[in-house]
Protein backbone atom coordinates (compact mmCIF):
# COMPACT_ATOMS: atom_id res chain seq x y z
CA MET A 1 68.24 97.79 95.07
CA TYR A 2 67.71 94.30 93.79
CA GLU A 3 64.93 92.47 95.64
CA ALA A 4 64.26 89.19 93.85
CA ASP A 5 65.48 85.81 95.09
CA MET A 6 69.15 85.44 94.20
CA SER A 7 69.83 82.25 96.11
CA SER A 8 70.59 80.05 93.12
CA ALA A 9 71.53 80.31 89.47
CA THR A 10 69.24 79.05 86.76
CA ALA A 11 70.14 75.85 84.94
CA THR A 12 71.08 77.78 81.80
CA GLU A 13 73.26 80.48 83.34
CA SER A 14 76.30 80.05 85.53
CA VAL A 15 77.18 81.88 88.72
CA VAL A 16 79.71 84.68 88.11
CA LEU A 17 79.88 86.05 91.66
CA THR A 18 79.45 84.52 95.11
CA VAL A 19 78.80 86.81 98.05
CA THR A 20 79.11 85.67 101.65
CA GLY A 21 77.71 87.86 104.38
CA PRO A 22 74.59 87.95 106.54
CA ILE A 23 72.81 86.69 103.40
CA ALA A 24 74.70 84.43 100.98
CA LEU A 25 74.22 85.18 97.28
CA ASN A 26 75.16 83.32 94.11
CA LEU A 27 74.75 85.82 91.29
CA THR A 28 74.56 85.33 87.54
CA LEU A 29 74.98 88.08 84.97
CA SER A 30 71.17 88.21 84.72
CA ASP A 31 70.95 88.75 88.47
CA LEU A 32 73.48 91.58 88.26
CA SER A 33 71.57 93.20 85.40
CA ARG A 34 68.55 93.63 87.70
CA PHE A 35 70.46 95.90 90.07
CA LEU A 36 70.48 99.65 89.46
CA ARG A 37 73.08 100.14 86.71
CA GLN A 38 75.69 102.89 86.90
CA SER A 39 78.39 104.11 84.57
CA VAL A 40 81.65 105.91 85.22
CA ARG A 41 84.32 107.36 82.92
CA ALA A 42 87.78 106.43 84.18
CA LYS A 43 91.32 105.77 83.02
CA ASP A 44 92.68 102.28 83.60
CA GLU A 45 96.21 101.38 84.73
CA LEU A 46 97.45 101.76 81.12
CA GLY A 47 96.00 105.29 80.85
CA LYS A 48 93.18 104.28 78.50
CA GLU A 49 89.98 106.20 79.23
CA SER A 50 86.76 104.21 78.99
CA VAL A 51 83.18 104.22 80.14
CA PHE A 52 82.65 101.34 82.54
CA LYS A 53 79.14 100.10 83.39
CA GLY A 54 78.03 97.89 86.22
CA VAL A 55 76.64 97.88 89.75
CA ARG A 56 77.79 99.89 92.73
CA LEU A 57 79.55 97.58 95.14
CA THR A 58 77.45 98.92 98.01
CA GLU A 59 74.23 97.81 96.27
CA ILE A 60 75.43 94.22 96.18
CA LEU A 61 76.53 94.39 99.80
CA LEU A 62 73.14 95.80 100.85
CA ALA A 63 71.44 92.87 99.08
CA ALA A 64 73.73 90.56 101.09
CA GLY A 65 72.46 92.11 104.33
CA VAL A 66 75.35 94.46 105.12
CA LYS A 67 74.27 97.46 107.18
CA PHE A 68 75.50 100.96 106.36
CA GLY A 69 74.70 104.40 107.75
CA LYS A 70 73.78 104.71 111.41
CA GLU A 71 73.78 100.92 111.81
CA LEU A 72 77.48 100.66 110.94
CA ARG A 73 79.03 101.39 114.34
CA GLY A 74 80.76 99.80 117.29
CA LYS A 75 82.21 96.34 116.64
CA TRP A 76 80.95 96.39 113.02
CA LEU A 77 83.44 99.15 112.23
CA ALA A 78 86.12 96.44 112.21
CA ASP A 79 84.33 94.34 109.58
CA TYR A 80 85.81 94.24 106.11
CA LEU A 81 85.21 93.07 102.57
CA LEU A 82 87.61 90.57 101.03
CA VAL A 83 87.45 90.55 97.23
CA GLU A 84 88.89 87.49 95.46
CA THR A 85 89.61 86.87 91.81
CA GLU A 86 89.79 83.78 89.60
CA ASP A 87 93.57 83.60 89.96
CA GLY A 88 93.60 84.06 93.75
CA TYR A 89 94.40 87.79 93.85
CA ARG A 90 92.85 89.37 96.94
CA VAL A 91 92.10 92.93 98.03
CA VAL A 92 90.50 94.28 101.20
CA PHE A 93 88.20 97.21 101.98
CA ALA A 94 87.14 98.22 105.49
CA LEU A 95 83.33 98.50 105.54
CA PRO A 96 83.44 102.15 106.68
CA GLU A 97 85.41 103.12 103.56
CA LEU A 98 82.57 101.65 101.44
CA ASP A 99 79.79 103.42 103.37
CA PRO A 100 78.57 106.56 101.56
CA THR A 101 77.82 108.22 104.93
CA PHE A 102 81.54 108.03 105.81
CA GLY A 103 82.93 109.51 102.61
CA GLU A 104 82.88 109.96 98.86
CA VAL A 105 83.60 106.41 97.73
CA ASP A 106 81.99 105.07 94.60
CA ILE A 107 83.29 101.63 93.66
CA LEU A 108 81.79 100.01 90.61
CA LEU A 109 81.68 96.28 89.93
CA ALA A 110 81.82 96.61 86.17
CA ASP A 111 80.75 94.05 83.59
CA ARG A 112 80.97 96.34 80.53
CA ARG A 113 83.60 98.62 79.03
CA ASP A 114 82.67 101.05 76.25
CA SER A 115 79.35 99.19 75.79
CA GLU A 116 81.04 95.80 75.33
CA PRO A 117 81.06 92.93 77.86
CA LEU A 118 84.31 92.57 79.76
CA GLU A 119 86.38 89.60 78.66
CA GLY A 120 89.92 88.36 78.27
CA ARG A 121 92.37 89.48 80.94
CA GLU A 122 89.70 91.67 82.57
CA GLY A 123 87.43 88.67 83.10
CA THR A 124 83.67 88.99 83.45
CA LEU A 125 83.72 91.39 86.44
CA ARG A 126 86.17 94.09 87.45
CA LEU A 127 86.36 96.65 90.25
CA ILE A 128 86.61 100.27 89.11
CA ILE A 129 87.71 102.79 91.76
CA PRO A 130 88.06 106.18 90.03
CA GLY A 131 89.30 108.06 93.12
CA GLU A 132 92.31 105.85 93.83
CA LYS A 133 95.74 106.98 92.66
CA ARG A 134 97.11 103.43 92.42
CA TYR A 135 95.38 100.60 90.60
CA ALA A 136 96.29 97.74 92.95
CA ARG A 137 92.68 97.30 94.13
CA TRP A 138 91.14 97.59 90.63
CA ALA A 139 90.81 93.81 90.75
CA ARG A 140 90.13 92.00 87.47
CA ARG A 141 88.30 88.67 87.12
CA VAL A 142 86.38 89.13 90.40
CA VAL A 143 84.51 86.00 91.51
CA SER A 144 83.92 86.42 95.25
CA LEU A 145 82.94 89.06 97.80
CA GLN A 146 83.27 87.98 101.44
CA ILE A 147 82.19 90.01 104.46
CA ARG A 148 84.49 89.18 107.34
CA SER A 149 85.20 90.34 110.87
CA VAL A 150 88.56 91.02 112.44
CA LYS A 151 87.63 88.56 115.20
CA GLU A 152 87.60 85.67 112.67
């Protein structure tokens, strides 16, 4: 897990992802590169197989103070993650579906495809969800992760 101060971007690098939760984060690509990196082979919505590299979504949420495991219970079971993209596309995940103790979910926030940085219509960051049959939540051009509660 990433442990350094991620509260502000350096003057030379821009923020690529904002995270709101118990701890607010403004992350640059350099910040993301300090998390444990993962790779996954998956086919995109066009059927093209690639190796995507990035950070597990749960690692970023843990750095933002989200509790998983035995601490995710009671009223916190109704909390959710809202993912937003540059163009306003939004997808939602219930926190329990992201918790590894609840099931076999492994969502990657990718910044590389076949060893090249993501760009163009994919944007800088993209969600990769190999286990899903539909690609509606494989959000491209991700810019924001927001932890919310149903009571909001």
